[in-house]
Amino acid sequence: MDMNEYCVQMMARQRLDDLRAAANARALRAAARRSTPVRLWLGLVLVRLGNRLLDGFTPVRAAA
């Protein structure tokens, strides 16, 4: 039994759309994991601000 060419194209297009949607979802999840948490960012800003206030606005690195 032969399949209609239109049916084959529609099935292929639907499969490609599903694969693209899955790839986009994976990319969004990966991008969300790579972002820096707000509390880490805020902590770093507060440490830098404290160092500048203690040392008269000169760039100083915190001791690890």
PDB file of N, CA and C in Angstrom:
ATOM      1  N   MET A   1       0.839  -1.161   0.000  1.00  0.00           N
ATOM      2  CA  MET A   1       0.000   0.000   0.000  1.00  0.00           C
ATOM      3  C   MET A   1       0.901   1.247   0.000  1.00  0.00           C
ATOM      4  N   ASP A   2       0.734   2.113  -0.958  1.00  0.00           N
ATOM      5  CA  ASP A   2       1.528   3.327  -1.069  1.00  0.00           C
ATOM      6  C   ASP A   2       0.920   4.434  -0.224  1.00  0.00           C
ATOM      7  N   MET A   3       1.836   5.208   0.401  1.00  0.00           N
ATOM      8  CA  MET A   3       1.370   6.352   1.179  1.00  0.00           C
ATOM      9  C   MET A   3       1.343   7.584   0.293  1.00  0.00           C
ATOM     10  N   ASN A   4       0.412   8.410   0.523  1.00  0.00           N
ATOM     11  CA  ASN A   4       0.296   9.641  -0.213  1.00  0.00           C
ATOM     12  C   ASN A   4       1.490  10.538   0.121  1.00  0.00           C
ATOM     13  N   GLU A   5       2.054  11.207  -0.886  1.00  0.00           N
ATOM     14  CA  GLU A   5       3.210  12.088  -0.672  1.00  0.00           C
ATOM     15  C   GLU A   5       2.868  13.213   0.300  1.00  0.00           C
ATOM     16  N   TYR A   6       1.659  13.703   0.231  1.00  0.00           N
ATOM     17  CA  TYR A   6       1.220  14.766   1.141  1.00  0.00           C
ATOM     18  C   TYR A   6       1.247  14.272   2.594  1.00  0.00           C
ATOM     19  N   CYS A   7       0.802  13.060   2.823  1.00  0.00           N
ATOM     20  CA  CYS A   7       0.800  12.486   4.182  1.00  0.00           C
ATOM     21  C   CYS A   7       2.221  12.335   4.710  1.00  0.00           C
ATOM     22  N   VAL A   8       3.122  11.893   3.862  1.00  0.00           N
ATOM     23  CA  VAL A   8       4.518  11.723   4.269  1.00  0.00           C
ATOM     24  C   VAL A   8       5.121  13.076   4.634  1.00  0.00           C
ATOM     25  N   GLN A   9       4.857  14.100   3.833  1.00  0.00           N
ATOM     26  CA  GLN A   9       5.372  15.429   4.125  1.00  0.00           C
ATOM     27  C   GLN A   9       4.809  15.968   5.439  1.00  0.00           C
ATOM     28  N   MET A  10       3.549  15.776   5.667  1.00  0.00           N
ATOM     29  CA  MET A  10       2.924  16.261   6.902  1.00  0.00           C
ATOM     30  C   MET A  10       3.492  15.536   8.129  1.00  0.00           C
ATOM     31  N   MET A  11       3.700  14.232   8.023  1.00  0.00           N
ATOM     32  CA  MET A  11       4.266  13.490   9.144  1.00  0.00           C
ATOM     33  C   MET A  11       5.703  13.937   9.411  1.00  0.00           C
ATOM     34  N   ALA A  12       6.474  14.157   8.360  1.00  0.00           N
ATOM     35  CA  ALA A  12       7.856  14.610   8.521  1.00  0.00           C
ATOM     36  C   ALA A  12       7.885  16.010   9.132  1.00  0.00           C
ATOM     37  N   ARG A  13       7.011  16.894   8.658  1.00  0.00           N
ATOM     38  CA  ARG A  13       6.963  18.254   9.193  1.00  0.00           C
ATOM     39  C   ARG A  13       6.570  18.242  10.672  1.00  0.00           C
ATOM     40  N   GLN A  14       5.616  17.401  11.032  1.00  0.00           N
ATOM     41  CA  GLN A  14       5.187  17.315  12.428  1.00  0.00           C
ATOM     42  C   GLN A  14       6.323  16.784  13.309  1.00  0.00           C
ATOM     43  N   ARG A  15       7.032  15.800  12.832  1.00  0.00           N
ATOM     44  CA  ARG A  15       8.163  15.243  13.593  1.00  0.00           C
ATOM     45  C   ARG A  15       9.258  16.293  13.773  1.00  0.00           C
ATOM     46  N   LEU A  16       9.566  17.041  12.712  1.00  0.00           N
ATOM     47  CA  LEU A  16      10.577  18.090  12.815  1.00  0.00           C
ATOM     48  C   LEU A  16      10.140  19.187  13.788  1.00  0.00           C
ATOM     49  N   ASP A  17       8.867  19.542  13.756  1.00  0.00           N
ATOM     50  CA  ASP A  17       8.364  20.545  14.700  1.00  0.00           C
ATOM     51  C   ASP A  17       8.501  20.068  16.140  1.00  0.00           C
ATOM     52  N   ASP A  18       8.205  18.792  16.374  1.00  0.00           N
ATOM     53  CA  ASP A  18       8.364  18.226  17.717  1.00  0.00           C
ATOM     54  C   ASP A  18       9.828  18.249  18.162  1.00  0.00           C
ATOM     55  N   LEU A  19      10.726  17.884  17.258  1.00  0.00           N
ATOM     56  CA  LEU A  19      12.154  17.888  17.590  1.00  0.00           C
ATOM     57  C   LEU A  19      12.657  19.304  17.865  1.00  0.00           C
ATOM     58  N   ARG A  20      12.193  20.273  17.083  1.00  0.00           N
ATOM     59  CA  ARG A  20      12.596  21.664  17.310  1.00  0.00           C
ATOM     60  C   ARG A  20      12.081  22.167  18.657  1.00  0.00           C
ATOM     61  N   ALA A  21      10.849  21.836  18.989  1.00  0.00           N
ATOM     62  CA  ALA A  21      10.290  22.258  20.269  1.00  0.00           C
ATOM     63  C   ALA A  21      11.070  21.646  21.433  1.00  0.00           C
ATOM     64  N   ALA A  22      11.440  20.384  21.311  1.00  0.00           N
ATOM     65  CA  ALA A  22      12.225  19.731  22.366  1.00  0.00           C
ATOM     66  C   ALA A  22      13.607  20.360  22.484  1.00  0.00           C
ATOM     67  N   ALA A  23      14.224  20.699  21.356  1.00  0.00           N
ATOM     68  CA  ALA A  23      15.550  21.326  21.386  1.00  0.00           C
ATOM     69  C   ALA A  23      15.471  22.714  22.018  1.00  0.00           C
ATOM     70  N   ASN A  24      14.427  23.470  21.714  1.00  0.00           N
ATOM     71  CA  ASN A  24      14.254  24.785  22.327  1.00  0.00           C
ATOM     72  C   ASN A  24      14.058  24.669  23.835  1.00  0.00           C
ATOM     73  N   ALA A  25      13.292  23.685  24.269  1.00  0.00           N
ATOM     74  CA  ALA A  25      13.076  23.485  25.703  1.00  0.00           C
ATOM     75  C   ALA A  25      14.385  23.126  26.406  1.00  0.00           C
ATOM     76  N   ARG A  26      15.188  22.260  25.784  1.00  0.00           N
ATOM     77  CA  ARG A  26      16.489  21.906  26.361  1.00  0.00           C
ATOM     78  C   ARG A  26      17.402  23.120  26.440  1.00  0.00           C
ATOM     79  N   ALA A  27      17.391  23.955  25.414  1.00  0.00           N
ATOM     80  CA  ALA A  27      18.243  25.153  25.399  1.00  0.00           C
ATOM     81  C   ALA A  27      17.817  26.133  26.497  1.00  0.00           C
ATOM     82  N   LEU A  28      16.525  26.286  26.703  1.00  0.00           N
ATOM     83  CA  LEU A  28      16.043  27.177  27.764  1.00  0.00           C
ATOM     84  C   LEU A  28      16.426  26.655  29.145  1.00  0.00           C
ATOM     85  N   ARG A  29      16.298  25.351  29.342  1.00  0.00           N
ATOM     86  CA  ARG A  29      16.682  24.776  30.639  1.00  0.00           C
ATOM     87  C   ARG A  29      18.176  24.935  30.884  1.00  0.00           C
ATOM     88  N   ALA A  30      18.984  24.730  29.853  1.00  0.00           N
ATOM     89  CA  ALA A  30      20.432  24.883  29.997  1.00  0.00           C
ATOM     90  C   ALA A  30      20.799  26.329  30.288  1.00  0.00           C
ATOM     91  N   ALA A  31      20.137  27.264  29.646  1.00  0.00           N
ATOM     92  CA  ALA A  31      20.413  28.685  29.882  1.00  0.00           C
ATOM     93  C   ALA A  31      20.016  29.079  31.299  1.00  0.00           C
ATOM     94  N   ALA A  32      18.942  28.519  31.805  1.00  0.00           N
ATOM     95  CA  ALA A  32      18.501  28.845  33.161  1.00  0.00           C
ATOM     96  C   ALA A  32      19.481  28.305  34.205  1.00  0.00           C
ATOM     97  N   ARG A  33      20.068  27.155  33.935  1.00  0.00           N
ATOM     98  CA  ARG A  33      21.025  26.576  34.877  1.00  0.00           C
ATOM     99  C   ARG A  33      22.330  27.343  34.902  1.00  0.00           C
ATOM    100  N   ARG A  34      22.703  27.965  33.774  1.00  0.00           N
ATOM    101  CA  ARG A  34      23.971  28.670  33.701  1.00  0.00           C
ATOM    102  C   ARG A  34      23.917  30.045  34.346  1.00  0.00           C
ATOM    103  N   SER A  35      22.732  30.589  34.573  1.00  0.00           N
ATOM    104  CA  SER A  35      22.648  31.937  35.114  1.00  0.00           C
ATOM    105  C   SER A  35      23.088  31.957  36.580  1.00  0.00           C
ATOM    106  N   THR A  36      23.641  33.078  36.998  1.00  0.00           N
ATOM    107  CA  THR A  36      24.124  33.248  38.362  1.00  0.00           C
ATOM    108  C   THR A  36      22.946  33.532  39.279  1.00  0.00           C
ATOM    109  N   PRO A  37      22.839  32.831  40.400  1.00  0.00           N
ATOM    110  CA  PRO A  37      21.741  33.089  41.327  1.00  0.00           C
ATOM    111  C   PRO A  37      21.813  34.516  41.871  1.00  0.00           C
ATOM    112  N   VAL A  38      20.650  35.078  42.152  1.00  0.00           N
ATOM    113  CA  VAL A  38      20.564  36.461  42.615  1.00  0.00           C
ATOM    114  C   VAL A  38      21.283  36.625  43.945  1.00  0.00           C
ATOM    115  N   ARG A  39      21.154  35.663  44.842  1.00  0.00           N
ATOM    116  CA  ARG A  39      21.795  35.829  46.149  1.00  0.00           C
ATOM    117  C   ARG A  39      23.319  35.827  46.036  1.00  0.00           C
ATOM    118  N   LEU A  40      23.865  35.079  45.087  1.00  0.00           N
ATOM    119  CA  LEU A  40      25.309  35.102  44.871  1.00  0.00           C
ATOM    120  C   LEU A  40      25.736  36.451  44.322  1.00  0.00           C
ATOM    121  N   TRP A  41      25.009  36.945  43.337  1.00  0.00           N
ATOM    122  CA  TRP A  41      25.299  38.250  42.758  1.00  0.00           C
ATOM    123  C   TRP A  41      25.209  39.347  43.815  1.00  0.00           C
ATOM    124  N   LEU A  42      24.158  39.323  44.622  1.00  0.00           N
ATOM    125  CA  LEU A  42      23.976  40.323  45.674  1.00  0.00           C
ATOM    126  C   LEU A  42      25.095  40.238  46.711  1.00  0.00           C
ATOM    127  N   GLY A  43      25.493  39.034  47.080  1.00  0.00           N
ATOM    128  CA  GLY A  43      26.585  38.862  48.031  1.00  0.00           C
ATOM    129  C   GLY A  43      27.889  39.435  47.517  1.00  0.00           C
ATOM    130  N   LEU A  44      28.201  39.196  46.262  1.00  0.00           N
ATOM    131  CA  LEU A  44      29.425  39.740  45.683  1.00  0.00           C
ATOM    132  C   LEU A  44      29.402  41.264  45.653  1.00  0.00           C
ATOM    133  N   VAL A  45      28.258  41.833  45.331  1.00  0.00           N
ATOM    134  CA  VAL A  45      28.135  43.290  45.303  1.00  0.00           C
ATOM    135  C   VAL A  45      28.325  43.858  46.705  1.00  0.00           C
ATOM    136  N   LEU A  46      27.733  43.220  47.695  1.00  0.00           N
ATOM    137  CA  LEU A  46      27.873  43.712  49.070  1.00  0.00           C
ATOM    138  C   LEU A  46      29.315  43.611  49.560  1.00  0.00           C
ATOM    139  N   VAL A  47      30.017  42.547  49.206  1.00  0.00           N
ATOM    140  CA  VAL A  47      31.422  42.405  49.601  1.00  0.00           C
ATOM    141  C   VAL A  47      32.264  43.495  48.943  1.00  0.00           C
ATOM    142  N   ARG A  48      32.041  43.734  47.662  1.00  0.00           N
ATOM    143  CA  ARG A  48      32.800  44.792  46.979  1.00  0.00           C
ATOM    144  C   ARG A  48      32.508  46.160  47.572  1.00  0.00           C
ATOM    145  N   LEU A  49      31.248  46.414  47.873  1.00  0.00           N
ATOM    146  CA  LEU A  49      30.878  47.691  48.483  1.00  0.00           C
ATOM    147  C   LEU A  49      31.530  47.849  49.846  1.00  0.00           C
ATOM    148  N   GLY A  50      31.515  46.798  50.663  1.00  0.00           N
ATOM    149  CA  GLY A  50      32.150  46.846  51.975  1.00  0.00           C
ATOM    150  C   GLY A  50      33.643  47.081  51.877  1.00  0.00           C
ATOM    151  N   ASN A  51      34.296  46.430  50.932  1.00  0.00           N
ATOM    152  CA  ASN A  51      35.733  46.642  50.742  1.00  0.00           C
ATOM    153  C   ASN A  51      36.031  48.083  50.341  1.00  0.00           C
ATOM    154  N   ARG A  52      35.231  48.636  49.472  1.00  0.00           N
ATOM    155  CA  ARG A  52      35.456  50.024  49.045  1.00  0.00           C
ATOM    156  C   ARG A  52      35.218  50.998  50.195  1.00  0.00           C
ATOM    157  N   LEU A  53      34.198  50.745  50.997  1.00  0.00           N
ATOM    158  CA  LEU A  53      33.919  51.637  52.120  1.00  0.00           C
ATOM    159  C   LEU A  53      35.014  51.567  53.180  1.00  0.00           C
ATOM    160  N   LEU A  54      35.543  50.390  53.427  1.00  0.00           N
ATOM    161  CA  LEU A  54      36.588  50.224  54.430  1.00  0.00           C
ATOM    162  C   LEU A  54      37.927  50.790  53.980  1.00  0.00           C
ATOM    163  N   ASP A  55      38.175  50.797  52.694  1.00  0.00           N
ATOM    164  CA  ASP A  55      39.496  51.192  52.213  1.00  0.00           C
ATOM    165  C   ASP A  55      39.484  52.517  51.468  1.00  0.00           C
ATOM    166  N   GLY A  56      38.493  53.323  51.635  1.00  0.00           N
ATOM    167  CA  GLY A  56      38.486  54.643  51.037  1.00  0.00           C
ATOM    168  C   GLY A  56      38.313  54.640  49.530  1.00  0.00           C
ATOM    169  N   PHE A  57      37.446  53.808  49.009  1.00  0.00           N
ATOM    170  CA  PHE A  57      37.107  53.770  47.595  1.00  0.00           C
ATOM    171  C   PHE A  57      38.277  53.407  46.685  1.00  0.00           C
ATOM    172  N   THR A  58      39.158  52.556  47.150  1.00  0.00           N
ATOM    173  CA  THR A  58      40.193  51.985  46.287  1.00  0.00           C
ATOM    174  C   THR A  58      39.850  50.533  46.068  1.00  0.00           C
ATOM    175  N   PRO A  59      40.086  50.020  44.872  1.00  0.00           N
ATOM    176  CA  PRO A  59      39.745  48.610  44.619  1.00  0.00           C
ATOM    177  C   PRO A  59      40.605  47.659  45.417  1.00  0.00           C
ATOM    178  N   VAL A  60      39.988  46.890  46.292  1.00  0.00           N
ATOM    179  CA  VAL A  60      40.683  45.941  47.143  1.00  0.00           C
ATOM    180  C   VAL A  60      39.981  44.607  47.015  1.00  0.00           C
ATOM    181  N   ARG A  61      40.749  43.555  46.906  1.00  0.00           N
ATOM    182  CA  ARG A  61      40.172  42.210  46.843  1.00  0.00           C
ATOM    183  C   ARG A  61      40.017  41.657  48.251  1.00  0.00           C
ATOM    184  N   ALA A  62      38.939  40.954  48.473  1.00  0.00           N
ATOM    185  CA  ALA A  62      38.702  40.321  49.766  1.00  0.00           C
ATOM    186  C   ALA A  62      39.613  39.108  49.901  1.00  0.00           C
ATOM    187  N   ALA A  63      40.109  38.880  51.109  1.00  0.00           N
ATOM    188  CA  ALA A  63      40.931  37.697  51.352  1.00  0.00           C
ATOM    189  C   ALA A  63      40.065  36.460  51.313  1.00  0.00           C
ATOM    190  N   ALA A  64      40.554  35.430  50.677  1.00  0.00           N
ATOM    191  CA  ALA A  64      39.759  34.211  50.544  1.00  0.00           C
ATOM    192  C   ALA A  64      39.862  33.346  51.754  1.00  0.00           C
TER     193      ALA A  64
END
